[in-house]
Structure formats: structure tokens, C-alpha cells
N, C-alpha and C. Protein backbone atom coordinates (compact mmCIF):
# COMPACT_ATOMS: atom_id res chain seq x y z
N MET A 1 0.84 -1.18 0.00
CA MET A 1 0.00 0.00 0.00
C MET A 1 0.89 1.25 0.00
N LYS A 2 0.53 2.21 -0.80
CA LYS A 2 1.29 3.44 -0.89
C LYS A 2 1.15 4.25 0.40
N LYS A 3 2.18 5.04 0.69
CA LYS A 3 2.18 5.86 1.90
C LYS A 3 1.01 6.83 1.91
N ALA A 4 0.70 7.44 0.78
CA ALA A 4 -0.42 8.37 0.69
C ALA A 4 -1.73 7.66 1.03
N SER A 5 -1.89 6.43 0.59
CA SER A 5 -3.10 5.67 0.87
C SER A 5 -3.24 5.36 2.36
N ILE A 6 -2.13 5.04 3.01
CA ILE A 6 -2.15 4.74 4.44
C ILE A 6 -2.54 5.99 5.22
N GLU A 7 -1.96 7.12 4.87
CA GLU A 7 -2.28 8.38 5.54
C GLU A 7 -3.74 8.78 5.30
N GLU A 8 -4.19 8.60 4.08
CA GLU A 8 -5.58 8.91 3.74
C GLU A 8 -6.54 8.02 4.54
N CYS A 9 -6.20 6.76 4.65
CA CYS A 9 -7.01 5.81 5.41
C CYS A 9 -7.05 6.22 6.89
N ALA A 10 -5.92 6.59 7.43
CA ALA A 10 -5.85 7.01 8.84
C ALA A 10 -6.71 8.24 9.07
N ARG A 11 -6.67 9.19 8.13
CA ARG A 11 -7.50 10.40 8.25
C ARG A 11 -8.98 10.06 8.20
N SER A 12 -9.34 9.06 7.43
CA SER A 12 -10.75 8.65 7.32
C SER A 12 -11.21 7.93 8.58
N ILE A 13 -10.31 7.22 9.22
CA ILE A 13 -10.68 6.45 10.41
C ILE A 13 -10.93 7.36 11.61
N LEU A 14 -10.20 8.45 11.73
CA LEU A 14 -10.33 9.33 12.89
C LEU A 14 -11.76 9.83 13.11
N PRO A 15 -12.44 10.38 12.11
CA PRO A 15 -13.80 10.84 12.35
C PRO A 15 -14.76 9.69 12.69
N ILE A 16 -14.51 8.52 12.11
CA ILE A 16 -15.36 7.36 12.43
C ILE A 16 -15.14 6.97 13.89
N ARG A 17 -13.91 6.99 14.33
CA ARG A 17 -13.60 6.70 15.73
C ARG A 17 -14.31 7.71 16.65
N ASP A 18 -14.32 8.98 16.26
CA ASP A 18 -15.01 10.01 17.05
C ASP A 18 -16.49 9.68 17.19
N VAL A 19 -17.12 9.32 16.08
CA VAL A 19 -18.56 8.97 16.11
C VAL A 19 -18.79 7.79 17.03
N LEU A 20 -17.97 6.76 16.91
CA LEU A 20 -18.13 5.57 17.74
C LEU A 20 -17.91 5.90 19.22
N ASP A 21 -16.96 6.78 19.52
CA ASP A 21 -16.73 7.18 20.91
C ASP A 21 -17.95 7.89 21.49
N ILE A 22 -18.57 8.74 20.69
CA ILE A 22 -19.72 9.53 21.16
C ILE A 22 -20.97 8.67 21.28
N LEU A 23 -21.18 7.74 20.35
CA LEU A 23 -22.43 6.96 20.30
C LEU A 23 -22.29 5.53 20.81
N SER A 24 -21.11 5.17 21.28
CA SER A 24 -20.90 3.78 21.67
C SER A 24 -21.72 3.40 22.89
N GLY A 25 -21.93 2.12 23.03
CA GLY A 25 -22.69 1.60 24.15
C GLY A 25 -24.05 1.11 23.72
N LYS A 26 -24.68 0.48 24.64
CA LYS A 26 -25.96 -0.18 24.39
C LYS A 26 -27.14 0.80 24.34
N TRP A 27 -27.00 1.97 24.97
CA TRP A 27 -28.18 2.79 25.23
C TRP A 27 -28.26 4.11 24.48
N LYS A 28 -27.16 4.71 24.09
CA LYS A 28 -27.19 6.08 23.56
C LYS A 28 -28.05 6.22 22.31
N LEU A 29 -27.93 5.30 21.39
CA LEU A 29 -28.74 5.39 20.17
C LEU A 29 -30.22 5.21 20.48
N GLN A 30 -30.53 4.34 21.41
CA GLN A 30 -31.93 4.16 21.81
C GLN A 30 -32.49 5.45 22.42
N ILE A 31 -31.71 6.08 23.28
CA ILE A 31 -32.14 7.33 23.91
C ILE A 31 -32.34 8.41 22.86
N LEU A 32 -31.39 8.54 21.95
CA LEU A 32 -31.50 9.55 20.89
C LEU A 32 -32.73 9.30 20.03
N MET A 33 -32.98 8.05 19.69
CA MET A 33 -34.15 7.73 18.86
C MET A 33 -35.44 8.11 19.59
N LEU A 34 -35.52 7.82 20.87
CA LEU A 34 -36.72 8.19 21.64
C LEU A 34 -36.92 9.70 21.67
N LEU A 35 -35.83 10.43 21.76
CA LEU A 35 -35.93 11.90 21.82
C LEU A 35 -36.16 12.52 20.45
N MET A 36 -35.95 11.78 19.38
CA MET A 36 -36.24 12.29 18.03
C MET A 36 -37.73 12.59 17.89
N PHE A 37 -38.57 11.84 18.61
CA PHE A 37 -40.01 11.97 18.48
C PHE A 37 -40.60 13.06 19.37
N GLU A 38 -40.09 13.17 20.60
CA GLU A 38 -40.61 14.19 21.51
C GLU A 38 -39.72 14.32 22.74
N LYS A 39 -39.93 15.43 23.46
CA LYS A 39 -39.23 15.62 24.73
C LYS A 39 -39.73 14.55 25.70
N ARG A 40 -38.85 14.15 26.60
CA ARG A 40 -39.24 13.11 27.55
C ARG A 40 -38.65 13.38 28.92
N ARG A 41 -39.37 12.92 29.93
CA ARG A 41 -38.88 12.98 31.30
C ARG A 41 -37.98 11.78 31.57
N PHE A 42 -37.18 11.91 32.62
CA PHE A 42 -36.25 10.85 32.99
C PHE A 42 -36.99 9.53 33.18
N LYS A 43 -38.06 9.55 33.93
CA LYS A 43 -38.82 8.32 34.22
C LYS A 43 -39.33 7.67 32.93
N ASP A 44 -39.80 8.48 31.99
CA ASP A 44 -40.27 7.95 30.70
C ASP A 44 -39.13 7.29 29.93
N LEU A 45 -37.97 7.95 29.92
CA LEU A 45 -36.82 7.36 29.23
C LEU A 45 -36.41 6.03 29.86
N GLN A 46 -36.48 5.98 31.18
CA GLN A 46 -36.10 4.74 31.86
C GLN A 46 -37.08 3.61 31.51
N GLN A 47 -38.37 3.92 31.47
CA GLN A 47 -39.36 2.90 31.15
C GLN A 47 -39.25 2.44 29.69
N LEU A 48 -39.02 3.38 28.79
CA LEU A 48 -38.96 3.06 27.37
C LEU A 48 -37.65 2.39 26.96
N THR A 49 -36.60 2.62 27.72
CA THR A 49 -35.31 1.99 27.46
C THR A 49 -35.20 0.81 28.42
N GLN A 50 -35.90 -0.23 28.09
CA GLN A 50 -36.03 -1.38 28.99
C GLN A 50 -34.69 -2.00 29.34
N GLY A 51 -34.48 -2.18 30.64
CA GLY A 51 -33.27 -2.83 31.12
C GLY A 51 -32.19 -1.89 31.60
N ILE A 52 -32.34 -0.60 31.35
CA ILE A 52 -31.31 0.35 31.78
C ILE A 52 -31.53 0.69 33.26
N THR A 53 -30.43 0.79 33.99
CA THR A 53 -30.52 1.19 35.39
C THR A 53 -30.56 2.71 35.48
N PRO A 54 -31.11 3.26 36.55
CA PRO A 54 -31.12 4.73 36.69
C PRO A 54 -29.70 5.31 36.63
N LYS A 55 -28.75 4.65 37.26
CA LYS A 55 -27.37 5.13 37.26
C LYS A 55 -26.79 5.19 35.85
N MET A 56 -27.04 4.16 35.06
CA MET A 56 -26.55 4.13 33.67
C MET A 56 -27.26 5.17 32.82
N LEU A 57 -28.55 5.35 33.03
CA LEU A 57 -29.29 6.35 32.27
C LEU A 57 -28.73 7.75 32.56
N VAL A 58 -28.45 8.03 33.82
CA VAL A 58 -27.86 9.33 34.17
C VAL A 58 -26.53 9.51 33.45
N LYS A 59 -25.69 8.48 33.45
CA LYS A 59 -24.39 8.56 32.78
C LYS A 59 -24.55 8.82 31.29
N GLU A 60 -25.43 8.07 30.65
CA GLU A 60 -25.63 8.22 29.20
C GLU A 60 -26.20 9.60 28.87
N LEU A 61 -27.15 10.06 29.65
CA LEU A 61 -27.72 11.39 29.41
C LEU A 61 -26.67 12.48 29.58
N ARG A 62 -25.82 12.35 30.58
CA ARG A 62 -24.75 13.33 30.78
C ARG A 62 -23.78 13.34 29.60
N ASP A 63 -23.43 12.15 29.11
CA ASP A 63 -22.53 12.07 27.95
C ASP A 63 -23.16 12.73 26.73
N LEU A 64 -24.43 12.44 26.49
CA LEU A 64 -25.12 13.03 25.33
C LEU A 64 -25.24 14.54 25.47
N GLU A 65 -25.49 15.01 26.69
CA GLU A 65 -25.58 16.45 26.94
C GLU A 65 -24.22 17.10 26.76
N MET A 66 -23.16 16.47 27.25
CA MET A 66 -21.81 17.00 27.12
C MET A 66 -21.42 17.16 25.65
N ASN A 67 -21.90 16.25 24.81
CA ASN A 67 -21.61 16.31 23.38
C ASN A 67 -22.62 17.15 22.61
N GLN A 68 -23.47 17.87 23.33
CA GLN A 68 -24.43 18.82 22.77
C GLN A 68 -25.48 18.16 21.87
N LEU A 69 -25.77 16.88 22.13
CA LEU A 69 -26.78 16.17 21.35
C LEU A 69 -28.16 16.28 21.98
N ILE A 70 -28.20 16.51 23.29
CA ILE A 70 -29.48 16.70 23.98
C ILE A 70 -29.36 17.86 24.96
N THR A 71 -30.52 18.34 25.40
CA THR A 71 -30.56 19.35 26.45
C THR A 71 -31.32 18.80 27.64
N ARG A 72 -31.05 19.37 28.78
CA ARG A 72 -31.69 18.99 30.04
C ARG A 72 -32.31 20.25 30.63
N LYS A 73 -33.60 20.19 30.91
CA LYS A 73 -34.28 21.36 31.48
C LYS A 73 -34.96 20.94 32.77
N VAL A 74 -34.68 21.68 33.85
CA VAL A 74 -35.26 21.40 35.16
C VAL A 74 -36.45 22.32 35.35
N TYR A 75 -37.61 21.73 35.68
CA TYR A 75 -38.83 22.48 35.97
C TYR A 75 -39.03 22.52 37.47
N ASP A 76 -39.11 23.73 38.00
CA ASP A 76 -39.21 23.92 39.45
C ASP A 76 -40.66 23.85 39.91
N ASP A 77 -41.34 22.79 39.52
CA ASP A 77 -42.71 22.55 39.96
C ASP A 77 -42.67 21.76 41.26
N SER A 78 -43.83 21.41 41.72
CA SER A 78 -43.90 20.53 42.88
C SER A 78 -44.59 19.24 42.46
N PRO A 79 -43.90 18.14 42.31
CA PRO A 79 -42.46 17.96 42.51
C PRO A 79 -41.65 18.44 41.31
N VAL A 80 -40.38 18.68 41.56
CA VAL A 80 -39.45 19.09 40.51
C VAL A 80 -39.34 17.95 39.49
N TYR A 81 -39.31 18.29 38.22
CA TYR A 81 -39.08 17.26 37.21
C TYR A 81 -38.11 17.78 36.16
N ILE A 82 -37.48 16.82 35.47
CA ILE A 82 -36.47 17.13 34.47
C ILE A 82 -36.93 16.58 33.13
N GLU A 83 -36.76 17.40 32.12
CA GLU A 83 -37.16 17.00 30.77
C GLU A 83 -35.94 17.06 29.85
N TYR A 84 -35.84 16.06 29.00
CA TYR A 84 -34.73 15.97 28.04
C TYR A 84 -35.28 16.15 26.63
N ALA A 85 -34.50 16.84 25.81
CA ALA A 85 -34.90 17.07 24.41
C ALA A 85 -33.66 16.97 23.53
N ILE A 86 -33.90 16.58 22.31
CA ILE A 86 -32.79 16.52 21.35
C ILE A 86 -32.51 17.94 20.85
N THR A 87 -31.26 18.22 20.60
CA THR A 87 -30.87 19.54 20.09
C THR A 87 -30.92 19.51 18.56
N PRO A 88 -30.93 20.67 17.92
CA PRO A 88 -30.83 20.68 16.46
C PRO A 88 -29.57 19.94 15.98
N TYR A 89 -28.49 20.07 16.72
CA TYR A 89 -27.26 19.35 16.38
C TYR A 89 -27.47 17.84 16.50
N GLY A 90 -28.17 17.42 17.55
CA GLY A 90 -28.49 16.00 17.72
C GLY A 90 -29.35 15.47 16.59
N ARG A 91 -30.24 16.31 16.08
CA ARG A 91 -31.11 15.90 14.96
C ARG A 91 -30.33 15.59 13.69
N THR A 92 -29.12 16.12 13.60
CA THR A 92 -28.31 15.83 12.41
C THR A 92 -27.93 14.35 12.34
N LEU A 93 -28.10 13.63 13.43
CA LEU A 93 -27.82 12.18 13.45
C LEU A 93 -28.99 11.34 12.95
N LYS A 94 -30.13 11.96 12.73
CA LYS A 94 -31.33 11.20 12.36
C LYS A 94 -31.11 10.33 11.12
N LYS A 95 -30.54 10.90 10.09
CA LYS A 95 -30.33 10.15 8.86
C LYS A 95 -29.41 8.94 9.12
N LEU A 96 -28.36 9.16 9.88
CA LEU A 96 -27.43 8.09 10.22
C LEU A 96 -28.13 6.98 11.01
N ILE A 97 -28.93 7.37 12.00
CA ILE A 97 -29.64 6.39 12.83
C ILE A 97 -30.65 5.61 12.00
N LEU A 98 -31.36 6.29 11.11
CA LEU A 98 -32.33 5.59 10.25
C LEU A 98 -31.63 4.64 9.28
N GLU A 99 -30.47 5.04 8.79
CA GLU A 99 -29.68 4.15 7.92
C GLU A 99 -29.24 2.91 8.69
N MET A 100 -28.84 3.10 9.95
CA MET A 100 -28.45 1.98 10.79
C MET A 100 -29.64 1.05 11.04
N GLU A 101 -30.80 1.65 11.27
CA GLU A 101 -32.02 0.86 11.47
C GLU A 101 -32.32 0.03 10.22
N ASP A 102 -32.23 0.66 9.06
CA ASP A 102 -32.50 -0.03 7.81
C ASP A 102 -31.51 -1.19 7.60
N TRP A 103 -30.24 -0.92 7.82
CA TRP A 103 -29.23 -1.97 7.68
C TRP A 103 -29.49 -3.10 8.68
N GLY A 104 -29.85 -2.74 9.92
CA GLY A 104 -30.12 -3.74 10.94
C GLY A 104 -31.28 -4.65 10.57
N LYS A 105 -32.32 -4.07 9.97
CA LYS A 105 -33.46 -4.89 9.52
C LYS A 105 -33.02 -5.87 8.44
N LYS A 106 -32.24 -5.39 7.49
CA LYS A 106 -31.75 -6.26 6.41
C LYS A 106 -30.84 -7.36 6.97
N HIS A 107 -29.99 -6.99 7.88
CA HIS A 107 -29.07 -7.96 8.47
C HIS A 107 -29.84 -9.01 9.26
N ARG A 108 -30.81 -8.57 10.07
CA ARG A 108 -31.61 -9.51 10.86
C ARG A 108 -32.33 -10.50 9.94
N LYS A 109 -32.90 -9.99 8.85
CA LYS A 109 -33.60 -10.84 7.90
C LYS A 109 -32.64 -11.85 7.28
N ARG A 110 -31.47 -11.39 6.91
CA ARG A 110 -30.45 -12.27 6.30
C ARG A 110 -30.03 -13.38 7.27
N ILE A 111 -29.78 -13.01 8.51
CA ILE A 111 -29.35 -13.98 9.52
C ILE A 111 -30.47 -14.96 9.83
N MET A 112 -31.70 -14.46 9.92
CA MET A 112 -32.84 -15.34 10.22
C MET A 112 -33.06 -16.34 9.08
N MET A 113 -32.82 -15.92 7.84
CA MET A 113 -32.97 -16.81 6.69
C MET A 113 -31.92 -17.92 6.75
N ARG A 114 -30.71 -17.57 7.17
CA ARG A 114 -29.64 -18.57 7.28
C ARG A 114 -29.92 -19.57 8.39
N ALA A 115 -30.56 -19.08 9.45
CA ALA A 115 -30.84 -19.93 10.62
C ALA A 115 -31.98 -20.91 10.34
N SER A 116 -32.81 -20.58 9.37
CA SER A 116 -33.97 -21.45 9.07
C SER A 116 -33.61 -22.71 8.35
């Protein structure tokens, strides 16, 4: 492989690594997909993301907020509640997430056909 090709490949891998670092894990894409449809409270996210612990949900939400993909708004009602929403920047991931969903459906179908 030519040196230019190796360098070009390395430059291409870096942004992909960044995406994987930001979206990695079992829960972040699920949380983002839920927020694509509407704002949600913490309790709703926990119920809809079946199997996630409150501690893990807090961690994932903080990571997503730190990367400016979601916002967190505290309402000083009685009782106090917190609402999460996707940011316009977070919405830029919609096409990527839908492409992943489409690929996942095709892959699942392919694997299920082989298993039959």
C-alpha cells in the first residue's frame, strides 16, 4: 500500500472513531431515537429503554448532553421534574440512525434466513 493511501485511510478512520466514541454503548442510540419523536422525562426514558438502570441512564444522558446532542431542562414545579430534548445538532444524526435501522433490519432478515 502506498504511503499516501495509508495516511488517507488514517485520516478517514479518525472521524469514524469520534462517532463511535460519542455513540458507543448499548443505550445512547436508543435514547436519541426516543428523543427524536418528543421531549421526555427521565422516568419515561427509563421505562422506554427497557433494562437500563437509573445510574446508567444518568451517565448516558450526561454524555449526550456533554456532546451537545441533547438538552436537560429542570422544571421547578412541585415535585421538581427534568425534561430531556434533542438539540438541532443532535437531529443531524437522524439520517445516520435511520440508515443503521435499515441496515439492521436487512441484516436480521439475512441472519434469520440462514438460521432457518
